[in-house]
Amino acid sequence: YLDQITPNGWLIDTLEVPNSMRPTAHEGELVTSFSSKSELGLHL
């Protein structure tokens, strides 16, 4: 999930990345390994 928040921490909304439980044929799907702490770094 990608949570959009204000810089002071208030949640605005959430975007779920397409996955096997919510697939989108035109985009594909992606998951993480839940306990893998080094994953999902975000960059512009």
All heavy atoms as atom14 arrays in JSON, in Angstrom:
{
  "sequence": "YLDQITPNGWLIDTLEVPNSMRPTAHEGELVTSFSSKSELGLHL",
  "atom14_mask": [
    [1, 1, 1, 1, 1, 1, 1, 1, 1, 1, 1, 1, 0, 0],
    [1, 1, 1, 1, 1, 1, 1, 1, 0, 0, 0, 0, 0, 0],
    [1, 1, 1, 1, 1, 1, 1, 1, 0, 0, 0, 0, 0, 0],
    [1, 1, 1, 1, 1, 1, 1, 1, 1, 0, 0, 0, 0, 0],
    [1, 1, 1, 1, 1, 1, 1, 1, 0, 0, 0, 0, 0, 0],
    [1, 1, 1, 1, 1, 1, 1, 0, 0, 0, 0, 0, 0, 0],
    [1, 1, 1, 1, 1, 1, 1, 0, 0, 0, 0, 0, 0, 0],
    [1, 1, 1, 1, 1, 1, 1, 1, 0, 0, 0, 0, 0, 0],
    [1, 1, 1, 1, 0, 0, 0, 0, 0, 0, 0, 0, 0, 0],
    [1, 1, 1, 1, 1, 1, 1, 1, 1, 1, 1, 1, 1, 1],
    [1, 1, 1, 1, 1, 1, 1, 1, 0, 0, 0, 0, 0, 0],
    [1, 1, 1, 1, 1, 1, 1, 1, 0, 0, 0, 0, 0, 0],
    [1, 1, 1, 1, 1, 1, 1, 1, 0, 0, 0, 0, 0, 0],
    [1, 1, 1, 1, 1, 1, 1, 0, 0, 0, 0, 0, 0, 0],
    [1, 1, 1, 1, 1, 1, 1, 1, 0, 0, 0, 0, 0, 0],
    [1, 1, 1, 1, 1, 1, 1, 1, 1, 0, 0, 0, 0, 0],
    [1, 1, 1, 1, 1, 1, 1, 0, 0, 0, 0, 0, 0, 0],
    [1, 1, 1, 1, 1, 1, 1, 0, 0, 0, 0, 0, 0, 0],
    [1, 1, 1, 1, 1, 1, 1, 1, 0, 0, 0, 0, 0, 0],
    [1, 1, 1, 1, 1, 1, 0, 0, 0, 0, 0, 0, 0, 0],
    [1, 1, 1, 1, 1, 1, 1, 1, 0, 0, 0, 0, 0, 0],
    [1, 1, 1, 1, 1, 1, 1, 1, 1, 1, 1, 0, 0, 0],
    [1, 1, 1, 1, 1, 1, 1, 0, 0, 0, 0, 0, 0, 0],
    [1, 1, 1, 1, 1, 1, 1, 0, 0, 0, 0, 0, 0, 0],
    [1, 1, 1, 1, 1, 0, 0, 0, 0, 0, 0, 0, 0, 0],
    [1, 1, 1, 1, 1, 1, 1, 1, 1, 1, 0, 0, 0, 0],
    [1, 1, 1, 1, 1, 1, 1, 1, 1, 0, 0, 0, 0, 0],
    [1, 1, 1, 1, 0, 0, 0, 0, 0, 0, 0, 0, 0, 0],
    [1, 1, 1, 1, 1, 1, 1, 1, 1, 0, 0, 0, 0, 0],
    [1, 1, 1, 1, 1, 1, 1, 1, 0, 0, 0, 0, 0, 0],
    [1, 1, 1, 1, 1, 1, 1, 0, 0, 0, 0, 0, 0, 0],
    [1, 1, 1, 1, 1, 1, 1, 0, 0, 0, 0, 0, 0, 0],
    [1, 1, 1, 1, 1, 1, 0, 0, 0, 0, 0, 0, 0, 0],
    [1, 1, 1, 1, 1, 1, 1, 1, 1, 1, 1, 0, 0, 0],
    [1, 1, 1, 1, 1, 1, 0, 0, 0, 0, 0, 0, 0, 0],
    [1, 1, 1, 1, 1, 1, 0, 0, 0, 0, 0, 0, 0, 0],
    [1, 1, 1, 1, 1, 1, 1, 1, 1, 0, 0, 0, 0, 0],
    [1, 1, 1, 1, 1, 1, 0, 0, 0, 0, 0, 0, 0, 0],
    [1, 1, 1, 1, 1, 1, 1, 1, 1, 0, 0, 0, 0, 0],
    [1, 1, 1, 1, 1, 1, 1, 1, 0, 0, 0, 0, 0, 0],
    [1, 1, 1, 1, 0, 0, 0, 0, 0, 0, 0, 0, 0, 0],
    [1, 1, 1, 1, 1, 1, 1, 1, 0, 0, 0, 0, 0, 0],
    [1, 1, 1, 1, 1, 1, 1, 1, 1, 1, 0, 0, 0, 0],
    [1, 1, 1, 1, 1, 1, 1, 1, 0, 0, 0, 0, 0, 0]
  ],
  "atom14_positions": [
    [[0.85, -1.19, 0.0], [0.0, 0.0, 0.0], [0.88, 1.24, 0.0], [1.94, 1.28, 0.64], [-0.91, 0.03, 1.22], [-1.9, -1.11, 1.28], [-1.61, -2.29, 1.96], [-3.13, -1.01, 0.63], [-2.51, -3.33, 2.0], [-4.04, -2.06, 0.67], [-3.73, -3.21, 1.35], [-4.63, -4.25, 1.39], [0.0, 0.0, 0.0], [0.0, 0.0, 0.0]],
    [[0.44, 2.25, -0.72], [1.1, 3.54, -0.71], [0.17, 4.53, -0.02], [-0.88, 4.89, -0.56], [1.41, 4.0, -2.14], [2.29, 3.05, -2.96], [2.49, 3.61, -4.36], [3.64, 2.82, -2.28], [0.0, 0.0, 0.0], [0.0, 0.0, 0.0], [0.0, 0.0, 0.0], [0.0, 0.0, 0.0], [0.0, 0.0, 0.0], [0.0, 0.0, 0.0]],
    [[0.55, 4.95, 1.19], [-0.25, 5.88, 1.98], [0.17, 7.31, 1.67], [1.34, 7.67, 1.87], [-0.07, 5.62, 3.48], [-0.65, 4.29, 3.91], [-1.68, 3.87, 3.35], [-0.06, 3.65, 4.8], [0.0, 0.0, 0.0], [0.0, 0.0, 0.0], [0.0, 0.0, 0.0], [0.0, 0.0, 0.0], [0.0, 0.0, 0.0], [0.0, 0.0, 0.0]],
    [[-0.74, 8.13, 1.21], [-0.47, 9.55, 1.0], [-0.82, 10.3, 2.28], [-1.97, 10.22, 2.76], [-1.27, 10.1, -0.17], [-1.0, 11.57, -0.42], [-1.65, 12.1, -1.69], [-1.21, 13.09, -2.24], [-2.71, 11.45, -2.15], [0.0, 0.0, 0.0], [0.0, 0.0, 0.0], [0.0, 0.0, 0.0], [0.0, 0.0, 0.0], [0.0, 0.0, 0.0]],
    [[0.15, 10.99, 2.85], [-0.07, 11.7, 4.1], [0.45, 13.13, 3.97], [1.28, 13.43, 3.12], [0.63, 11.0, 5.29], [2.15, 11.05, 5.13], [0.13, 9.57, 5.47], [2.92, 10.53, 6.34], [0.0, 0.0, 0.0], [0.0, 0.0, 0.0], [0.0, 0.0, 0.0], [0.0, 0.0, 0.0], [0.0, 0.0, 0.0], [0.0, 0.0, 0.0]],
    [[-0.06, 14.0, 4.81], [0.48, 15.35, 4.87], [1.84, 15.3, 5.56], [2.15, 14.34, 6.28], [-0.44, 16.28, 5.66], [-0.53, 15.81, 7.01], [-1.83, 16.34, 5.04], [0.0, 0.0, 0.0], [0.0, 0.0, 0.0], [0.0, 0.0, 0.0], [0.0, 0.0, 0.0], [0.0, 0.0, 0.0], [0.0, 0.0, 0.0], [0.0, 0.0, 0.0]],
    [[2.67, 16.32, 5.39], [3.99, 16.29, 6.04], [3.93, 16.21, 7.55], [4.93, 15.84, 8.18], [4.63, 17.61, 5.57], [4.0, 17.87, 4.25], [2.57, 17.44, 4.42], [0.0, 0.0, 0.0], [0.0, 0.0, 0.0], [0.0, 0.0, 0.0], [0.0, 0.0, 0.0], [0.0, 0.0, 0.0], [0.0, 0.0, 0.0], [0.0, 0.0, 0.0]],
    [[2.81, 16.56, 8.16], [2.71, 16.43, 9.61], [1.97, 15.17, 10.03], [1.57, 15.04, 11.18], [2.06, 17.68, 10.24], [0.66, 17.93, 9.73], [0.29, 17.47, 8.67], [-0.1, 18.69, 10.48], [0.0, 0.0, 0.0], [0.0, 0.0, 0.0], [0.0, 0.0, 0.0], [0.0, 0.0, 0.0], [0.0, 0.0, 0.0], [0.0, 0.0, 0.0]],
    [[1.78, 14.23, 9.1], [1.38, 12.89, 9.48], [-0.05, 12.49, 9.28], [-0.41, 11.35, 9.58], [0.0, 0.0, 0.0], [0.0, 0.0, 0.0], [0.0, 0.0, 0.0], [0.0, 0.0, 0.0], [0.0, 0.0, 0.0], [0.0, 0.0, 0.0], [0.0, 0.0, 0.0], [0.0, 0.0, 0.0], [0.0, 0.0, 0.0], [0.0, 0.0, 0.0]],
    [[-0.91, 13.37, 8.79], [-2.32, 13.02, 8.65], [-2.56, 12.27, 7.35], [-2.13, 12.69, 6.27], [-3.19, 14.28, 8.69], [-3.16, 14.94, 10.02], [-2.37, 15.99, 10.4], [-3.92, 14.58, 11.17], [-2.59, 16.3, 11.71], [-3.54, 15.47, 12.22], [-4.88, 13.61, 11.43], [-4.09, 15.4, 13.49], [-5.44, 13.55, 12.7], [-5.04, 14.43, 13.71]],
    [[-3.29, 11.16, 7.46], [-3.56, 10.33, 6.3], [-4.59, 11.0, 5.39], [-5.64, 11.45, 5.83], [-4.09, 8.96, 6.74], [-4.45, 8.0, 5.62], [-3.23, 7.52, 4.88], [-5.24, 6.81, 6.17], [0.0, 0.0, 0.0], [0.0, 0.0, 0.0], [0.0, 0.0, 0.0], [0.0, 0.0, 0.0], [0.0, 0.0, 0.0], [0.0, 0.0, 0.0]],
    [[-4.29, 11.04, 4.09], [-5.22, 11.55, 3.09], [-5.94, 10.39, 2.41], [-7.17, 10.31, 2.43], [-4.48, 12.42, 2.05], [-3.86, 13.64, 2.73], [-5.43, 12.85, 0.93], [-2.94, 14.44, 1.84], [0.0, 0.0, 0.0], [0.0, 0.0, 0.0], [0.0, 0.0, 0.0], [0.0, 0.0, 0.0], [0.0, 0.0, 0.0], [0.0, 0.0, 0.0]],
    [[-5.19, 9.5, 1.8], [-5.78, 8.31, 1.19], [-4.71, 7.27, 0.94], [-3.53, 7.49, 1.22], [-6.55, 8.66, -0.09], [-5.72, 9.5, -1.05], [-4.5, 9.64, -0.84], [-6.3, 10.02, -2.03], [0.0, 0.0, 0.0], [0.0, 0.0, 0.0], [0.0, 0.0, 0.0], [0.0, 0.0, 0.0], [0.0, 0.0, 0.0], [0.0, 0.0, 0.0]],
    [[-5.14, 6.12, 0.42], [-4.25, 4.97, 0.26], [-4.44, 4.35, -1.12], [-5.56, 4.19, -1.59], [-4.55, 3.91, 1.34], [-4.21, 4.45, 2.62], [-3.74, 2.65, 1.11], [0.0, 0.0, 0.0], [0.0, 0.0, 0.0], [0.0, 0.0, 0.0], [0.0, 0.0, 0.0], [0.0, 0.0, 0.0], [0.0, 0.0, 0.0], [0.0, 0.0, 0.0]],
    [[-3.34, 4.02, -1.75], [-3.35, 3.36, -3.05], [-2.8, 1.95, -2.89], [-1.66, 1.77, -2.43], [-2.49, 4.15, -4.04], [-2.35, 3.58, -5.45], [-3.7, 3.58, -6.16], [-1.32, 4.38, -6.25], [0.0, 0.0, 0.0], [0.0, 0.0, 0.0], [0.0, 0.0, 0.0], [0.0, 0.0, 0.0], [0.0, 0.0, 0.0], [0.0, 0.0, 0.0]],
    [[-3.59, 0.96, -3.26], [-3.15, -0.42, -3.2], [-2.46, -0.78, -4.51], [-3.0, -0.55, -5.6], [-4.33, -1.36, -2.95], [-3.92, -2.83, -2.81], [-5.08, -3.74, -2.48], [-6.2, -3.22, -2.26], [-4.88, -4.96, -2.44], [0.0, 0.0, 0.0], [0.0, 0.0, 0.0], [0.0, 0.0, 0.0], [0.0, 0.0, 0.0], [0.0, 0.0, 0.0]],
    [[-1.27, -1.34, -4.41], [-0.54, -1.77, -5.6], [-1.22, -3.03, -6.16], [-1.57, -3.94, -5.39], [0.93, -2.06, -5.26], [1.69, -2.55, -6.48], [1.59, -0.79, -4.7], [0.0, 0.0, 0.0], [0.0, 0.0, 0.0], [0.0, 0.0, 0.0], [0.0, 0.0, 0.0], [0.0, 0.0, 0.0], [0.0, 0.0, 0.0], [0.0, 0.0, 0.0]],
    [[-1.44, -3.11, -7.48], [-2.1, -4.3, -8.04], [-1.41, -5.59, -7.61], [-0.18, -5.68, -7.56], [-1.97, -4.08, -9.55], [-1.88, -2.6, -9.71], [-1.12, -2.11, -8.5], [0.0, 0.0, 0.0], [0.0, 0.0, 0.0], [0.0, 0.0, 0.0], [0.0, 0.0, 0.0], [0.0, 0.0, 0.0], [0.0, 0.0, 0.0], [0.0, 0.0, 0.0]],
    [[-2.21, -6.59, -7.27], [-1.7, -7.87, -6.8], [-2.66, -8.97, -7.18], [-3.7, -8.72, -7.81], [-1.46, -7.82, -5.28], [-2.72, -7.44, -4.52], [-3.66, -8.22, -4.44], [-2.76, -6.22, -3.98], [0.0, 0.0, 0.0], [0.0, 0.0, 0.0], [0.0, 0.0, 0.0], [0.0, 0.0, 0.0], [0.0, 0.0, 0.0], [0.0, 0.0, 0.0]],
    [[-2.35, -10.21, -6.8], [-3.18, -11.35, -7.19], [-4.57, -11.3, -6.58], [-5.5, -11.94, -7.1], [-2.49, -12.67, -6.82], [-2.28, -12.74, -5.41], [0.0, 0.0, 0.0], [0.0, 0.0, 0.0], [0.0, 0.0, 0.0], [0.0, 0.0, 0.0], [0.0, 0.0, 0.0], [0.0, 0.0, 0.0], [0.0, 0.0, 0.0], [0.0, 0.0, 0.0]],
    [[-4.75, -10.56, -5.49], [-6.06, -10.4, -4.89], [-6.83, -9.23, -5.51], [-8.04, -9.12, -5.33], [-5.93, -10.2, -3.38], [-5.45, -11.43, -2.64], [-5.41, -11.13, -0.85], [-5.07, -12.79, -0.26], [0.0, 0.0, 0.0], [0.0, 0.0, 0.0], [0.0, 0.0, 0.0], [0.0, 0.0, 0.0], [0.0, 0.0, 0.0], [0.0, 0.0, 0.0]],
    [[-6.1, -8.35, -6.2], [-6.73, -7.23, -6.91], [-5.96, -7.01, -8.21], [-5.26, -6.02, -8.38], [-6.71, -5.96, -6.05], [-7.61, -4.86, -6.61], [-7.48, -3.57, -5.83], [-6.22, -2.9, -6.04], [-5.95, -2.12, -7.09], [-6.84, -1.94, -8.03], [-4.77, -1.52, -7.2], [0.0, 0.0, 0.0], [0.0, 0.0, 0.0], [0.0, 0.0, 0.0]],
    [[-6.06, -7.95, -9.14], [-5.26, -7.86, -10.36], [-5.8, -6.83, -11.35], [-6.99, -6.52, -11.35], [-5.37, -9.27, -10.93], [-6.71, -9.76, -10.45], [-6.89, -9.15, -9.08], [0.0, 0.0, 0.0], [0.0, 0.0, 0.0], [0.0, 0.0, 0.0], [0.0, 0.0, 0.0], [0.0, 0.0, 0.0], [0.0, 0.0, 0.0], [0.0, 0.0, 0.0]],
    [[-4.89, -6.3, -12.16], [-5.26, -5.46, -13.3], [-4.47, -5.94, -14.49], [-3.25, -5.87, -14.5], [-4.93, -3.97, -13.02], [-3.55, -3.84, -12.72], [-5.75, -3.43, -11.86], [0.0, 0.0, 0.0], [0.0, 0.0, 0.0], [0.0, 0.0, 0.0], [0.0, 0.0, 0.0], [0.0, 0.0, 0.0], [0.0, 0.0, 0.0], [0.0, 0.0, 0.0]],
    [[-5.16, -6.44, -15.49], [-4.49, -7.07, -16.62], [-3.59, -6.1, -17.36], [-2.53, -6.48, -17.86], [-5.54, -7.65, -17.57], [0.0, 0.0, 0.0], [0.0, 0.0, 0.0], [0.0, 0.0, 0.0], [0.0, 0.0, 0.0], [0.0, 0.0, 0.0], [0.0, 0.0, 0.0], [0.0, 0.0, 0.0], [0.0, 0.0, 0.0], [0.0, 0.0, 0.0]],
    [[-3.96, -4.82, -17.42], [-3.17, -3.87, -18.19], [-1.96, -3.36, -17.43], [-1.05, -2.8, -18.03], [-4.05, -2.69, -18.62], [-4.56, -1.86, -17.49], [-5.58, -2.3, -16.66], [-4.2, -0.63, -17.03], [-5.83, -1.38, -15.75], [-5.01, -0.36, -15.95], [0.0, 0.0, 0.0], [0.0, 0.0, 0.0], [0.0, 0.0, 0.0], [0.0, 0.0, 0.0]],
    [[-1.93, -3.55, -16.1], [-0.8, -3.07, -15.32], [0.1, -4.19, -14.82], [1.31, -4.04, -14.75], [-1.3, -2.25, -14.12], [-1.91, -0.92, -14.51], [-2.38, -0.13, -13.29], [-2.91, -0.75, -12.35], [-2.22, 1.1, -13.29], [0.0, 0.0, 0.0], [0.0, 0.0, 0.0], [0.0, 0.0, 0.0], [0.0, 0.0, 0.0], [0.0, 0.0, 0.0]],
    [[-0.48, -5.33, -14.46], [0.29, -6.42, -13.88], [0.1, -6.47, -12.39], [-0.91, -5.97, -11.86], [0.0, 0.0, 0.0], [0.0, 0.0, 0.0], [0.0, 0.0, 0.0], [0.0, 0.0, 0.0], [0.0, 0.0, 0.0], [0.0, 0.0, 0.0], [0.0, 0.0, 0.0], [0.0, 0.0, 0.0], [0.0, 0.0, 0.0], [0.0, 0.0, 0.0]],
    [[1.05, -7.07, -11.68], [0.92, -7.18, -10.23], [2.29, -7.25, -9.58], [3.28, -7.61, -10.21], [0.09, -8.41, -9.85], [0.65, -9.72, -10.36], [-0.3, -10.88, -10.12], [-1.45, -10.84, -10.59], [0.13, -11.85, -9.45], [0.0, 0.0, 0.0], [0.0, 0.0, 0.0], [0.0, 0.0, 0.0], [0.0, 0.0, 0.0], [0.0, 0.0, 0.0]],
    [[2.33, -6.9, -8.29], [3.58, -6.85, -7.54], [3.3, -7.02, -6.06], [2.28, -6.54, -5.55], [4.28, -5.5, -7.77], [5.78, -5.45, -7.43], [6.58, -6.18, -8.51], [6.26, -4.01, -7.33], [0.0, 0.0, 0.0], [0.0, 0.0, 0.0], [0.0, 0.0, 0.0], [0.0, 0.0, 0.0], [0.0, 0.0, 0.0], [0.0, 0.0, 0.0]],
    [[4.2, -7.72, -5.37], [4.09, -7.9, -3.93], [5.45, -7.67, -3.29], [6.47, -7.56, -3.98], [3.6, -9.32, -3.56], [2.15, -9.52, -3.99], [4.51, -10.39, -4.18], [0.0, 0.0, 0.0], [0.0, 0.0, 0.0], [0.0, 0.0, 0.0], [0.0, 0.0, 0.0], [0.0, 0.0, 0.0], [0.0, 0.0, 0.0], [0.0, 0.0, 0.0]],
    [[5.46, -7.62, -1.98], [6.7, -7.58, -1.2], [6.76, -8.82, -0.34], [5.78, -9.57, -0.24], [6.76, -6.31, -0.33], [8.06, -6.2, 0.27], [5.72, -6.34, 0.78], [0.0, 0.0, 0.0], [0.0, 0.0, 0.0], [0.0, 0.0, 0.0], [0.0, 0.0, 0.0], [0.0, 0.0, 0.0], [0.0, 0.0, 0.0], [0.0, 0.0, 0.0]],
    [[7.9, -9.07, 0.27], [8.01, -10.12, 1.28], [7.83, -9.43, 2.63], [8.63, -8.56, 2.99], [9.36, -10.82, 1.2], [9.47, -11.82, 2.2], [0.0, 0.0, 0.0], [0.0, 0.0, 0.0], [0.0, 0.0, 0.0], [0.0, 0.0, 0.0], [0.0, 0.0, 0.0], [0.0, 0.0, 0.0], [0.0, 0.0, 0.0], [0.0, 0.0, 0.0]],
    [[6.79, -9.78, 3.36], [6.37, -8.99, 4.51], [7.48, -8.72, 5.5], [7.63, -7.6, 6.0], [5.2, -9.69, 5.23], [4.67, -8.92, 6.4], [3.74, -7.91, 6.22], [5.1, -9.19, 7.7], [3.25, -7.18, 7.29], [4.63, -8.47, 8.77], [3.69, -7.47, 8.57], [0.0, 0.0, 0.0], [0.0, 0.0, 0.0], [0.0, 0.0, 0.0]],
    [[8.29, -9.72, 5.81], [9.3, -9.56, 6.86], [10.65, -9.07, 6.34], [11.58, -8.91, 7.12], [9.49, -10.89, 7.6], [9.87, -11.91, 6.71], [0.0, 0.0, 0.0], [0.0, 0.0, 0.0], [0.0, 0.0, 0.0], [0.0, 0.0, 0.0], [0.0, 0.0, 0.0], [0.0, 0.0, 0.0], [0.0, 0.0, 0.0], [0.0, 0.0, 0.0]],
    [[10.74, -8.81, 5.02], [12.01, -8.36, 4.44], [12.17, -6.86, 4.66], [11.63, -6.05, 3.9], [12.09, -8.71, 2.96], [12.12, -10.1, 2.79], [0.0, 0.0, 0.0], [0.0, 0.0, 0.0], [0.0, 0.0, 0.0], [0.0, 0.0, 0.0], [0.0, 0.0, 0.0], [0.0, 0.0, 0.0], [0.0, 0.0, 0.0], [0.0, 0.0, 0.0]],
    [[12.9, -6.49, 5.67], [12.96, -5.1, 6.14], [13.64, -4.14, 5.18], [13.46, -2.93, 5.29], [13.7, -5.07, 7.48], [15.13, -5.61, 7.42], [15.74, -5.75, 8.79], [17.15, -6.32, 8.7], [17.75, -6.5, 10.04], [0.0, 0.0, 0.0], [0.0, 0.0, 0.0], [0.0, 0.0, 0.0], [0.0, 0.0, 0.0], [0.0, 0.0, 0.0]],
    [[14.43, -4.66, 4.25], [15.19, -3.77, 3.36], [14.42, -3.37, 2.11], [14.93, -2.61, 1.29], [16.51, -4.45, 2.95], [16.25, -5.68, 2.29], [0.0, 0.0, 0.0], [0.0, 0.0, 0.0], [0.0, 0.0, 0.0], [0.0, 0.0, 0.0], [0.0, 0.0, 0.0], [0.0, 0.0, 0.0], [0.0, 0.0, 0.0], [0.0, 0.0, 0.0]],
    [[13.19, -3.83, 1.96], [12.45, -3.61, 0.72], [11.58, -2.35, 0.76], [11.39, -1.73, 1.8], [11.58, -4.85, 0.43], [12.4, -6.09, 0.17], [11.59, -7.34, -0.04], [10.34, -7.27, -0.05], [12.21, -8.4, -0.18], [0.0, 0.0, 0.0], [0.0, 0.0, 0.0], [0.0, 0.0, 0.0], [0.0, 0.0, 0.0], [0.0, 0.0, 0.0]],
    [[11.06, -2.01, -0.43], [10.07, -0.95, -0.62], [10.58, 0.45, -0.33], [9.81, 1.34, 0.05], [8.8, -1.22, 0.2], [7.99, -2.46, -0.19], [6.72, -2.53, 0.64], [7.67, -2.46, -1.67], [0.0, 0.0, 0.0], [0.0, 0.0, 0.0], [0.0, 0.0, 0.0], [0.0, 0.0, 0.0], [0.0, 0.0, 0.0], [0.0, 0.0, 0.0]],
    [[11.89, 0.68, -0.5], [12.36, 2.05, -0.47], [11.72, 2.83, -1.61], [11.56, 2.32, -2.71], [0.0, 0.0, 0.0], [0.0, 0.0, 0.0], [0.0, 0.0, 0.0], [0.0, 0.0, 0.0], [0.0, 0.0, 0.0], [0.0, 0.0, 0.0], [0.0, 0.0, 0.0], [0.0, 0.0, 0.0], [0.0, 0.0, 0.0], [0.0, 0.0, 0.0]],
    [[11.34, 4.08, -1.36], [10.65, 4.91, -2.35], [11.56, 6.04, -2.83], [12.26, 6.65, -2.02], [9.38, 5.53, -1.75], [8.3, 4.57, -1.24], [7.18, 5.36, -0.59], [7.77, 3.7, -2.37], [0.0, 0.0, 0.0], [0.0, 0.0, 0.0], [0.0, 0.0, 0.0], [0.0, 0.0, 0.0], [0.0, 0.0, 0.0], [0.0, 0.0, 0.0]],
    [[11.52, 6.31, -4.14], [12.31, 7.42, -4.69], [11.54, 8.11, -5.8], [10.9, 7.45, -6.63], [13.65, 6.92, -5.25], [14.65, 6.59, -4.19], [15.4, 7.55, -3.56], [15.02, 5.4, -3.65], [16.2, 6.97, -2.67], [15.98, 5.67, -2.71], [0.0, 0.0, 0.0], [0.0, 0.0, 0.0], [0.0, 0.0, 0.0], [0.0, 0.0, 0.0]],
    [[11.64, 9.43, -5.83], [11.12, 10.18, -6.96], [12.04, 10.02, -8.16], [13.26, 9.87, -8.01], [11.01, 11.66, -6.61], [9.86, 12.07, -5.68], [10.0, 13.54, -5.3], [8.51, 11.81, -6.34], [0.0, 0.0, 0.0], [0.0, 0.0, 0.0], [0.0, 0.0, 0.0], [0.0, 0.0, 0.0], [0.0, 0.0, 0.0], [0.0, 0.0, 0.0]]
  ]
}
